[in-house]
Amino acid sequence: MNLYLIGPRGSGKSTVAAIVAERLGRPLIATDDWIQTETGKTIAEIFAGDGEGRFRELETAALDKAAQCRSAVVDLGGGAILPEANRQRIRQTGKTVWLFAPAEVLWRRISSDPRSAGTRPPLTAEEGLEEVGLVLEQRDSIYAACADYEIDTGALSADEVAHRVVAWFGTVDMCKSHCRETV
């Protein structure tokens, strides 16, 4: 069973996923990194040159590859949960942790990350904090519907979040193994 981390930009998915993968001794798959490696382009370049539709196709392909692993920690891009088919694939192949934080915290994290400006495309016609708020308004109900477990990362360190994820997933993973043995 895969462990999928979902949530908006700035929620801590990439950092937490790396810590969790190491602690669980599982491979880490970062779908945005896979897309950039496969295409030789940043996500912003894909959006600008090929359009958001093409990026979403690549995101689905990356999810399909990750889903085949069955024992990975998967850091999904923020919009990977948008297509219903992707949400079904995630449910069929693993458990999902939704990392979230207030818009102000997300914007502070995004704006202080030098990588973000050069590699991440705008997602709405708005900018800054307004864009973050709009994206949360559009996606939070979808994240909530996908989530098996939720963590507000706003006031927690990445290590604290990873600790909670590992503790929760350990009980879920053990239950699944136990249930298989007794059936």
N, C-alpha and C. Protein backbone atom coordinates (compact mmCIF):
# COMPACT_ATOMS: atom_id res chain seq x y z
N MET A 1 0.85 -1.17 0.00
CA MET A 1 0.00 0.00 0.00
C MET A 1 0.90 1.24 0.00
N ASN A 2 0.62 2.15 -0.95
CA ASN A 2 1.34 3.42 -1.00
C ASN A 2 0.81 4.37 0.06
N LEU A 3 1.62 5.33 0.41
CA LEU A 3 1.23 6.42 1.28
C LEU A 3 1.34 7.69 0.44
N TYR A 4 0.20 8.34 0.18
CA TYR A 4 0.16 9.54 -0.64
C TYR A 4 0.04 10.78 0.25
N LEU A 5 0.88 11.77 -0.02
CA LEU A 5 0.77 13.05 0.65
C LEU A 5 0.17 14.04 -0.33
N ILE A 6 -0.95 14.65 0.07
CA ILE A 6 -1.63 15.61 -0.77
C ILE A 6 -1.73 16.94 -0.03
N GLY A 7 -1.97 17.99 -0.79
CA GLY A 7 -2.15 19.31 -0.20
C GLY A 7 -1.63 20.38 -1.12
N PRO A 8 -1.87 21.62 -0.77
CA PRO A 8 -1.46 22.73 -1.61
C PRO A 8 0.04 23.02 -1.51
N ARG A 9 0.50 23.85 -2.43
CA ARG A 9 1.88 24.33 -2.37
C ARG A 9 2.13 24.94 -1.00
N GLY A 10 3.31 24.68 -0.47
CA GLY A 10 3.69 25.30 0.80
C GLY A 10 3.22 24.53 2.02
N SER A 11 2.51 23.43 1.83
CA SER A 11 2.00 22.68 2.98
C SER A 11 3.06 21.79 3.61
N GLY A 12 4.17 21.57 2.89
CA GLY A 12 5.26 20.77 3.43
C GLY A 12 5.36 19.37 2.86
N LYS A 13 4.61 19.09 1.81
CA LYS A 13 4.57 17.72 1.26
C LYS A 13 5.96 17.18 0.91
N SER A 14 6.74 17.94 0.17
CA SER A 14 8.04 17.44 -0.30
C SER A 14 8.98 17.16 0.86
N THR A 15 9.07 18.08 1.79
CA THR A 15 9.96 17.91 2.94
C THR A 15 9.51 16.75 3.81
N VAL A 16 8.23 16.72 4.11
CA VAL A 16 7.69 15.67 4.98
C VAL A 16 7.79 14.30 4.30
N ALA A 17 7.48 14.24 3.02
CA ALA A 17 7.54 12.96 2.30
C ALA A 17 8.94 12.36 2.37
N ALA A 18 9.96 13.19 2.22
CA ALA A 18 11.33 12.68 2.27
C ALA A 18 11.66 12.11 3.65
N ILE A 19 11.23 12.79 4.70
CA ILE A 19 11.48 12.31 6.06
C ILE A 19 10.72 11.00 6.31
N VAL A 20 9.46 10.99 5.91
CA VAL A 20 8.62 9.80 6.13
C VAL A 20 9.18 8.60 5.37
N ALA A 21 9.56 8.80 4.12
CA ALA A 21 10.11 7.69 3.32
C ALA A 21 11.35 7.11 4.00
N GLU A 22 12.20 7.98 4.49
CA GLU A 22 13.41 7.51 5.17
C GLU A 22 13.06 6.73 6.43
N ARG A 23 12.15 7.26 7.23
CA ARG A 23 11.78 6.59 8.47
C ARG A 23 11.07 5.25 8.25
N LEU A 24 10.29 5.17 7.19
CA LEU A 24 9.58 3.92 6.90
C LEU A 24 10.40 2.95 6.06
N GLY A 25 11.55 3.43 5.55
CA GLY A 25 12.38 2.58 4.70
C GLY A 25 11.69 2.25 3.38
N ARG A 26 10.94 3.20 2.86
CA ARG A 26 10.21 3.03 1.61
C ARG A 26 10.76 3.97 0.56
N PRO A 27 10.59 3.63 -0.71
CA PRO A 27 11.03 4.55 -1.76
C PRO A 27 10.17 5.82 -1.77
N LEU A 28 10.78 6.91 -2.18
CA LEU A 28 10.09 8.19 -2.31
C LEU A 28 9.87 8.47 -3.78
N ILE A 29 8.64 8.80 -4.12
CA ILE A 29 8.32 9.23 -5.49
C ILE A 29 7.70 10.62 -5.39
N ALA A 30 8.35 11.59 -6.02
CA ALA A 30 7.83 12.96 -6.08
C ALA A 30 7.36 13.19 -7.51
N THR A 31 6.05 13.25 -7.71
CA THR A 31 5.52 13.29 -9.07
C THR A 31 5.96 14.53 -9.84
N ASP A 32 6.03 15.67 -9.18
CA ASP A 32 6.49 16.88 -9.88
C ASP A 32 7.93 16.73 -10.36
N ASP A 33 8.77 16.14 -9.52
CA ASP A 33 10.17 15.91 -9.91
C ASP A 33 10.24 14.94 -11.08
N TRP A 34 9.41 13.88 -11.05
CA TRP A 34 9.38 12.90 -12.13
C TRP A 34 9.01 13.59 -13.45
N ILE A 35 7.99 14.44 -13.41
CA ILE A 35 7.54 15.16 -14.61
C ILE A 35 8.66 16.03 -15.16
N GLN A 36 9.33 16.76 -14.29
CA GLN A 36 10.41 17.65 -14.73
C GLN A 36 11.58 16.86 -15.31
N THR A 37 11.88 15.72 -14.73
CA THR A 37 12.95 14.88 -15.25
C THR A 37 12.57 14.30 -16.61
N GLU A 38 11.35 13.80 -16.73
CA GLU A 38 10.89 13.19 -17.97
C GLU A 38 10.83 14.18 -19.13
N THR A 39 10.43 15.41 -18.84
CA THR A 39 10.25 16.40 -19.91
C THR A 39 11.46 17.30 -20.11
N GLY A 40 12.33 17.37 -19.10
CA GLY A 40 13.45 18.30 -19.18
C GLY A 40 13.01 19.75 -19.04
N LYS A 41 11.81 19.97 -18.51
CA LYS A 41 11.26 21.31 -18.34
C LYS A 41 10.76 21.49 -16.92
N THR A 42 10.75 22.75 -16.47
CA THR A 42 10.11 23.04 -15.19
C THR A 42 8.60 23.00 -15.39
N ILE A 43 7.89 22.93 -14.30
CA ILE A 43 6.43 22.93 -14.39
C ILE A 43 5.95 24.25 -15.01
N ALA A 44 6.59 25.35 -14.65
CA ALA A 44 6.22 26.64 -15.23
C ALA A 44 6.43 26.64 -16.74
N GLU A 45 7.50 26.03 -17.21
CA GLU A 45 7.74 25.94 -18.66
C GLU A 45 6.69 25.08 -19.36
N ILE A 46 6.28 24.01 -18.71
CA ILE A 46 5.24 23.15 -19.30
C ILE A 46 3.92 23.93 -19.39
N PHE A 47 3.55 24.60 -18.32
CA PHE A 47 2.33 25.41 -18.34
C PHE A 47 2.39 26.46 -19.45
N ALA A 48 3.53 27.15 -19.54
CA ALA A 48 3.67 28.25 -20.51
C ALA A 48 3.71 27.73 -21.95
N GLY A 49 4.41 26.64 -22.19
CA GLY A 49 4.60 26.17 -23.55
C GLY A 49 3.57 25.17 -24.04
N ASP A 50 3.11 24.31 -23.14
CA ASP A 50 2.22 23.23 -23.54
C ASP A 50 0.81 23.36 -22.96
N GLY A 51 0.66 24.20 -21.96
CA GLY A 51 -0.64 24.42 -21.33
C GLY A 51 -0.86 23.56 -20.11
N GLU A 52 -1.82 24.01 -19.30
CA GLU A 52 -2.14 23.28 -18.08
C GLU A 52 -2.69 21.89 -18.39
N GLY A 53 -3.46 21.76 -19.48
CA GLY A 53 -4.03 20.46 -19.84
C GLY A 53 -2.95 19.41 -20.05
N ARG A 54 -1.88 19.80 -20.75
CA ARG A 54 -0.77 18.86 -20.98
C ARG A 54 -0.10 18.51 -19.66
N PHE A 55 0.07 19.50 -18.80
CA PHE A 55 0.68 19.22 -17.50
C PHE A 55 -0.16 18.23 -16.72
N ARG A 56 -1.48 18.39 -16.72
CA ARG A 56 -2.36 17.48 -15.98
C ARG A 56 -2.27 16.05 -16.56
N GLU A 57 -2.09 15.92 -17.87
CA GLU A 57 -1.88 14.59 -18.47
C GLU A 57 -0.59 13.97 -17.94
N LEU A 58 0.46 14.76 -17.89
CA LEU A 58 1.73 14.27 -17.36
C LEU A 58 1.61 13.91 -15.88
N GLU A 59 0.85 14.69 -15.15
CA GLU A 59 0.63 14.43 -13.73
C GLU A 59 -0.09 13.10 -13.53
N THR A 60 -1.08 12.83 -14.37
CA THR A 60 -1.80 11.56 -14.30
C THR A 60 -0.86 10.40 -14.64
N ALA A 61 -0.02 10.58 -15.64
CA ALA A 61 0.95 9.53 -16.00
C ALA A 61 1.91 9.27 -14.84
N ALA A 62 2.35 10.33 -14.18
CA ALA A 62 3.24 10.18 -13.03
C ALA A 62 2.54 9.44 -11.89
N LEU A 63 1.29 9.77 -11.65
CA LEU A 63 0.52 9.06 -10.62
C LEU A 63 0.37 7.59 -10.98
N ASP A 64 0.08 7.31 -12.24
CA ASP A 64 -0.05 5.91 -12.67
C ASP A 64 1.24 5.13 -12.42
N LYS A 65 2.38 5.74 -12.71
CA LYS A 65 3.67 5.07 -12.45
C LYS A 65 3.85 4.83 -10.95
N ALA A 66 3.56 5.85 -10.15
CA ALA A 66 3.71 5.73 -8.70
C ALA A 66 2.78 4.65 -8.14
N ALA A 67 1.56 4.60 -8.65
CA ALA A 67 0.58 3.63 -8.15
C ALA A 67 1.03 2.19 -8.40
N GLN A 68 1.84 1.98 -9.40
CA GLN A 68 2.34 0.63 -9.69
C GLN A 68 3.32 0.14 -8.63
N CYS A 69 3.95 1.06 -7.93
CA CYS A 69 4.96 0.69 -6.93
C CYS A 69 4.34 -0.07 -5.76
N ARG A 70 3.26 0.42 -5.23
CA ARG A 70 2.51 -0.22 -4.14
C ARG A 70 3.15 -0.16 -2.76
N SER A 71 4.38 0.36 -2.64
CA SER A 71 4.98 0.43 -1.30
C SER A 71 5.77 1.73 -1.13
N ALA A 72 5.38 2.76 -1.85
CA ALA A 72 6.15 4.01 -1.85
C ALA A 72 5.46 5.08 -1.00
N VAL A 73 6.25 6.07 -0.66
CA VAL A 73 5.72 7.33 -0.14
C VAL A 73 5.68 8.25 -1.34
N VAL A 74 4.49 8.75 -1.67
CA VAL A 74 4.30 9.52 -2.88
C VAL A 74 3.94 10.96 -2.55
N ASP A 75 4.79 11.88 -3.00
CA ASP A 75 4.59 13.31 -2.85
C ASP A 75 3.88 13.77 -4.12
N LEU A 76 2.56 13.98 -4.02
CA LEU A 76 1.77 14.37 -5.19
C LEU A 76 1.74 15.89 -5.34
N GLY A 77 1.77 16.34 -6.59
CA GLY A 77 1.58 17.75 -6.86
C GLY A 77 0.21 18.19 -6.36
N GLY A 78 0.09 19.46 -6.06
CA GLY A 78 -1.14 19.98 -5.46
C GLY A 78 -2.40 19.72 -6.25
N GLY A 79 -2.31 19.68 -7.58
CA GLY A 79 -3.49 19.48 -8.40
C GLY A 79 -3.72 18.05 -8.84
N ALA A 80 -2.92 17.12 -8.39
CA ALA A 80 -3.05 15.73 -8.83
C ALA A 80 -4.40 15.13 -8.46
N ILE A 81 -5.05 15.70 -7.45
CA ILE A 81 -6.32 15.15 -6.99
C ILE A 81 -7.51 15.71 -7.76
N LEU A 82 -7.28 16.59 -8.70
CA LEU A 82 -8.40 17.23 -9.41
C LEU A 82 -9.21 16.25 -10.26
N PRO A 83 -8.63 15.41 -11.10
CA PRO A 83 -9.44 14.47 -11.88
C PRO A 83 -9.99 13.34 -10.99
N GLU A 84 -11.26 13.04 -11.16
CA GLU A 84 -11.88 11.96 -10.40
C GLU A 84 -11.14 10.63 -10.61
N ALA A 85 -10.69 10.37 -11.83
CA ALA A 85 -9.97 9.12 -12.10
C ALA A 85 -8.70 9.03 -11.25
N ASN A 86 -8.02 10.14 -11.03
CA ASN A 86 -6.83 10.14 -10.18
C ASN A 86 -7.22 9.83 -8.73
N ARG A 87 -8.30 10.42 -8.27
CA ARG A 87 -8.73 10.17 -6.89
C ARG A 87 -9.07 8.68 -6.70
N GLN A 88 -9.71 8.09 -7.69
CA GLN A 88 -10.02 6.66 -7.61
C GLN A 88 -8.74 5.83 -7.58
N ARG A 89 -7.78 6.17 -8.41
CA ARG A 89 -6.50 5.45 -8.45
C ARG A 89 -5.79 5.52 -7.10
N ILE A 90 -5.81 6.70 -6.50
CA ILE A 90 -5.18 6.90 -5.19
C ILE A 90 -5.88 6.01 -4.15
N ARG A 91 -7.21 6.04 -4.11
CA ARG A 91 -7.97 5.23 -3.15
C ARG A 91 -7.70 3.74 -3.33
N GLN A 92 -7.55 3.30 -4.57
CA GLN A 92 -7.34 1.87 -4.85
C GLN A 92 -5.95 1.38 -4.45
N THR A 93 -4.98 2.29 -4.38
CA THR A 93 -3.60 1.84 -4.19
C THR A 93 -2.92 2.33 -2.92
N GLY A 94 -3.67 3.01 -2.06
CA GLY A 94 -3.00 3.46 -0.85
C GLY A 94 -3.87 4.25 0.09
N LYS A 95 -3.20 4.88 1.02
CA LYS A 95 -3.83 5.77 2.00
C LYS A 95 -3.28 7.17 1.78
N THR A 96 -4.08 8.15 2.17
CA THR A 96 -3.76 9.54 1.85
C THR A 96 -3.74 10.41 3.09
N VAL A 97 -2.69 11.23 3.19
CA VAL A 97 -2.57 12.22 4.25
C VAL A 97 -2.64 13.60 3.61
N TRP A 98 -3.57 14.41 4.07
CA TRP A 98 -3.73 15.79 3.59
C TRP A 98 -2.99 16.72 4.54
N LEU A 99 -1.98 17.37 4.00
CA LEU A 99 -1.26 18.41 4.75
C LEU A 99 -1.83 19.76 4.35
N PHE A 100 -2.19 20.55 5.33
CA PHE A 100 -2.77 21.86 5.04
C PHE A 100 -2.30 22.89 6.06
N ALA A 101 -2.53 24.15 5.74
CA ALA A 101 -2.17 25.25 6.63
C ALA A 101 -2.99 26.47 6.19
N PRO A 102 -3.10 27.46 7.05
CA PRO A 102 -3.81 28.68 6.65
C PRO A 102 -3.12 29.35 5.45
N ALA A 103 -3.90 30.05 4.66
CA ALA A 103 -3.39 30.70 3.44
C ALA A 103 -2.19 31.59 3.73
N GLU A 104 -2.23 32.32 4.82
CA GLU A 104 -1.13 33.24 5.15
C GLU A 104 0.18 32.47 5.38
N VAL A 105 0.08 31.33 6.03
CA VAL A 105 1.27 30.50 6.28
C VAL A 105 1.79 29.93 4.96
N LEU A 106 0.88 29.44 4.12
CA LEU A 106 1.29 28.90 2.83
C LEU A 106 1.99 29.97 2.00
N TRP A 107 1.40 31.17 1.95
CA TRP A 107 2.00 32.24 1.15
C TRP A 107 3.37 32.61 1.70
N ARG A 108 3.53 32.66 3.01
CA ARG A 108 4.83 32.99 3.60
C ARG A 108 5.87 31.94 3.20
N ARG A 109 5.49 30.68 3.25
CA ARG A 109 6.42 29.60 2.87
C ARG A 109 6.76 29.66 1.38
N ILE A 110 5.76 29.84 0.54
CA ILE A 110 5.97 29.89 -0.91
C ILE A 110 6.87 31.06 -1.28
N SER A 111 6.57 32.22 -0.73
CA SER A 111 7.32 33.42 -1.11
C SER A 111 8.75 33.42 -0.57
N SER A 112 9.02 32.61 0.45
CA SER A 112 10.38 32.54 0.96
C SER A 112 11.19 31.41 0.34
N ASP A 113 10.58 30.64 -0.57
CA ASP A 113 11.26 29.53 -1.24
C ASP A 113 11.78 30.01 -2.59
N PRO A 114 13.09 30.16 -2.76
CA PRO A 114 13.63 30.68 -4.01
C PRO A 114 13.35 29.78 -5.22
N ARG A 115 13.17 28.48 -5.01
CA ARG A 115 12.87 27.57 -6.11
C ARG A 115 11.47 27.81 -6.67
N SER A 116 10.55 28.17 -5.82
CA SER A 116 9.15 28.25 -6.19
C SER A 116 8.89 29.25 -7.31
N ALA A 117 9.45 30.42 -7.23
CA ALA A 117 9.17 31.46 -8.23
C ALA A 117 9.60 31.03 -9.63
N GLY A 118 10.72 30.36 -9.75
CA GLY A 118 11.22 29.98 -11.06
C GLY A 118 10.64 28.71 -11.64
N THR A 119 10.07 27.87 -10.80
CA THR A 119 9.61 26.58 -11.31
C THR A 119 8.11 26.38 -11.25
N ARG A 120 7.41 27.18 -10.48
CA ARG A 120 5.97 26.98 -10.30
C ARG A 120 5.17 28.01 -11.08
N PRO A 121 4.17 27.56 -11.82
CA PRO A 121 3.35 28.50 -12.60
C PRO A 121 2.27 29.15 -11.75
N PRO A 122 1.75 30.29 -12.20
CA PRO A 122 0.57 30.83 -11.53
C PRO A 122 -0.61 29.89 -11.78
N LEU A 123 -1.49 29.76 -10.81
CA LEU A 123 -2.61 28.84 -10.93
C LEU A 123 -3.94 29.57 -11.17
N THR A 124 -3.94 30.86 -10.95
CA THR A 124 -5.14 31.67 -11.17
C THR A 124 -4.70 33.01 -11.75
N ALA A 125 -5.67 33.86 -12.04
CA ALA A 125 -5.37 35.21 -12.53
C ALA A 125 -4.92 36.12 -11.38
N GLU A 126 -5.12 35.68 -10.17
CA GLU A 126 -4.72 36.45 -8.99
C GLU A 126 -3.23 36.22 -8.71
N GLU A 127 -2.70 37.01 -7.79
CA GLU A 127 -1.31 36.86 -7.38
C GLU A 127 -1.20 36.79 -5.88
N GLY A 128 -0.07 36.28 -5.40
CA GLY A 128 0.25 36.29 -3.98
C GLY A 128 -0.77 35.58 -3.11
N LEU A 129 -1.05 36.21 -1.98
CA LEU A 129 -1.95 35.64 -1.00
C LEU A 129 -3.35 35.42 -1.58
N GLU A 130 -3.78 36.31 -2.47
CA GLU A 130 -5.10 36.15 -3.10
C GLU A 130 -5.16 34.86 -3.91
N GLU A 131 -4.08 34.56 -4.65
CA GLU A 131 -4.05 33.31 -5.42
C GLU A 131 -4.12 32.11 -4.50
N VAL A 132 -3.35 32.13 -3.43
CA VAL A 132 -3.35 31.01 -2.48
C VAL A 132 -4.76 30.80 -1.93
N GLY A 133 -5.40 31.88 -1.52
CA GLY A 133 -6.76 31.78 -0.98
C GLY A 133 -7.74 31.22 -1.99
N LEU A 134 -7.65 31.64 -3.23
CA LEU A 134 -8.55 31.15 -4.27
C LEU A 134 -8.33 29.67 -4.54
N VAL A 135 -7.07 29.24 -4.60
CA VAL A 135 -6.76 27.83 -4.83
C VAL A 135 -7.31 26.98 -3.68
N LEU A 136 -7.15 27.45 -2.45
CA LEU A 136 -7.68 26.70 -1.31
C LEU A 136 -9.21 26.61 -1.40
N GLU A 137 -9.84 27.69 -1.78
CA GLU A 137 -11.29 27.71 -1.92
C GLU A 137 -11.74 26.68 -2.97
N GLN A 138 -10.99 26.57 -4.04
CA GLN A 138 -11.34 25.64 -5.12
C GLN A 138 -11.05 24.18 -4.76
N ARG A 139 -10.02 23.93 -3.97
CA ARG A 139 -9.54 22.56 -3.78
C ARG A 139 -9.76 21.95 -2.40
N ASP A 140 -9.97 22.74 -1.37
CA ASP A 140 -10.02 22.17 -0.02
C ASP A 140 -11.06 21.07 0.13
N SER A 141 -12.22 21.22 -0.46
CA SER A 141 -13.25 20.17 -0.32
C SER A 141 -12.80 18.88 -1.01
N ILE A 142 -12.04 19.00 -2.09
CA ILE A 142 -11.54 17.82 -2.79
C ILE A 142 -10.46 17.14 -1.95
N TYR A 143 -9.54 17.94 -1.39
CA TYR A 143 -8.53 17.36 -0.50
C TYR A 143 -9.20 16.63 0.66
N ALA A 144 -10.20 17.27 1.26
CA ALA A 144 -10.88 16.67 2.42
C ALA A 144 -11.54 15.35 2.04
N ALA A 145 -12.16 15.30 0.86
CA ALA A 145 -12.82 14.07 0.42
C ALA A 145 -11.82 12.95 0.16
N CYS A 146 -10.60 13.30 -0.22
CA CYS A 146 -9.56 12.30 -0.52
C CYS A 146 -8.85 11.80 0.72
N ALA A 147 -8.87 12.59 1.77
CA ALA A 147 -7.99 12.35 2.91
C ALA A 147 -8.47 11.21 3.81
N ASP A 148 -7.51 10.36 4.16
CA ASP A 148 -7.73 9.37 5.21
C ASP A 148 -7.29 9.93 6.56
N TYR A 149 -6.41 10.91 6.50
CA TYR A 149 -5.86 11.53 7.71
C TYR A 149 -5.48 12.95 7.34
N GLU A 150 -5.67 13.89 8.27
CA GLU A 150 -5.41 15.30 8.00
C GLU A 150 -4.48 15.88 9.07
N ILE A 151 -3.55 16.74 8.63
CA ILE A 151 -2.65 17.39 9.57
C ILE A 151 -2.53 18.86 9.19
N ASP A 152 -2.82 19.73 10.15
CA ASP A 152 -2.59 21.17 9.98
C ASP A 152 -1.11 21.41 10.26
N THR A 153 -0.36 21.75 9.23
CA THR A 153 1.09 21.93 9.36
C THR A 153 1.48 23.36 9.75
N GLY A 154 0.49 24.22 9.92
CA GLY A 154 0.75 25.64 10.15
C GLY A 154 1.69 25.95 11.30
N ALA A 155 1.58 25.24 12.39
CA ALA A 155 2.39 25.54 13.57
C ALA A 155 3.34 24.39 13.93
N LEU A 156 3.53 23.45 13.00
CA LEU A 156 4.37 22.29 13.28
C LEU A 156 5.62 22.30 12.41
N SER A 157 6.69 21.74 12.92
CA SER A 157 7.90 21.55 12.11
C SER A 157 7.68 20.36 11.20
N ALA A 158 8.49 20.26 10.17
CA ALA A 158 8.41 19.12 9.24
C ALA A 158 8.64 17.82 10.01
N ASP A 159 9.53 17.82 10.96
CA ASP A 159 9.81 16.62 11.75
C ASP A 159 8.59 16.21 12.58
N GLU A 160 7.89 17.19 13.16
CA GLU A 160 6.69 16.88 13.94
C GLU A 160 5.58 16.30 13.05
N VAL A 161 5.44 16.88 11.87
CA VAL A 161 4.44 16.39 10.93
C VAL A 161 4.79 14.96 10.51
N ALA A 162 6.05 14.74 10.16
CA ALA A 162 6.49 13.40 9.75
C ALA A 162 6.25 12.39 10.86
N HIS A 163 6.52 12.76 12.09
CA HIS A 163 6.28 11.86 13.22
C HIS A 163 4.81 11.45 13.28
N ARG A 164 3.90 12.40 13.10
CA ARG A 164 2.46 12.10 13.14
C ARG A 164 2.06 11.19 11.97
N VAL A 165 2.62 11.47 10.80
CA VAL A 165 2.29 10.65 9.62
C VAL A 165 2.76 9.21 9.85
N VAL A 166 3.99 9.05 10.29
CA VAL A 166 4.54 7.71 10.50
C VAL A 166 3.74 6.95 11.56
N ALA A 167 3.40 7.63 12.65
CA ALA A 167 2.63 6.97 13.71
C ALA A 167 1.26 6.53 13.19
N TRP A 168 0.57 7.40 12.47
CA TRP A 168 -0.74 7.05 11.94
C TRP A 168 -0.63 5.93 10.91
N PHE A 169 0.29 6.07 9.97
CA PHE A 169 0.40 5.08 8.90
C PHE A 169 0.82 3.72 9.45
N GLY A 170 1.61 3.71 10.49
CA GLY A 170 2.01 2.43 11.11
C GLY A 170 0.81 1.66 11.61
N THR A 171 -0.17 2.34 12.18
CA THR A 171 -1.36 1.65 12.67
C THR A 171 -2.23 1.18 11.51
N VAL A 172 -2.33 1.99 10.45
CA VAL A 172 -3.13 1.62 9.28
C VAL A 172 -2.49 0.45 8.55
N ASP A 173 -1.19 0.52 8.34
CA ASP A 173 -0.46 -0.52 7.62
C ASP A 173 -0.51 -1.84 8.39
N MET A 174 -0.37 -1.76 9.72
CA MET A 174 -0.41 -2.97 10.54
C MET A 174 -1.78 -3.61 10.48
N CYS A 175 -2.82 -2.79 10.53
CA CYS A 175 -4.18 -3.30 10.48
C CYS A 175 -4.42 -4.03 9.16
N LYS A 176 -3.97 -3.44 8.08
CA LYS A 176 -4.18 -4.06 6.76
C LYS A 176 -3.45 -5.41 6.69
N SER A 177 -2.22 -5.45 7.19
CA SER A 177 -1.46 -6.70 7.19
C SER A 177 -2.15 -7.74 8.06
N HIS A 178 -2.60 -7.32 9.23
CA HIS A 178 -3.27 -8.24 10.16
C HIS A 178 -4.56 -8.76 9.54
N CYS A 179 -5.32 -7.88 8.94
CA CYS A 179 -6.59 -8.28 8.35
C CYS A 179 -6.37 -9.30 7.24
N ARG A 180 -5.32 -9.12 6.47
CA ARG A 180 -5.01 -10.06 5.39
C ARG A 180 -4.67 -11.44 5.97
N GLU A 181 -3.95 -11.44 7.07
CA GLU A 181 -3.54 -12.71 7.66
C GLU A 181 -4.71 -13.48 8.23
N THR A 182 -5.71 -12.81 8.75
CA THR A 182 -6.81 -13.49 9.44
C THR A 182 -7.96 -13.85 8.53
N VAL A 183 -7.97 -13.35 7.30
CA VAL A 183 -9.09 -13.63 6.40
C VAL A 183 -8.94 -14.98 5.76
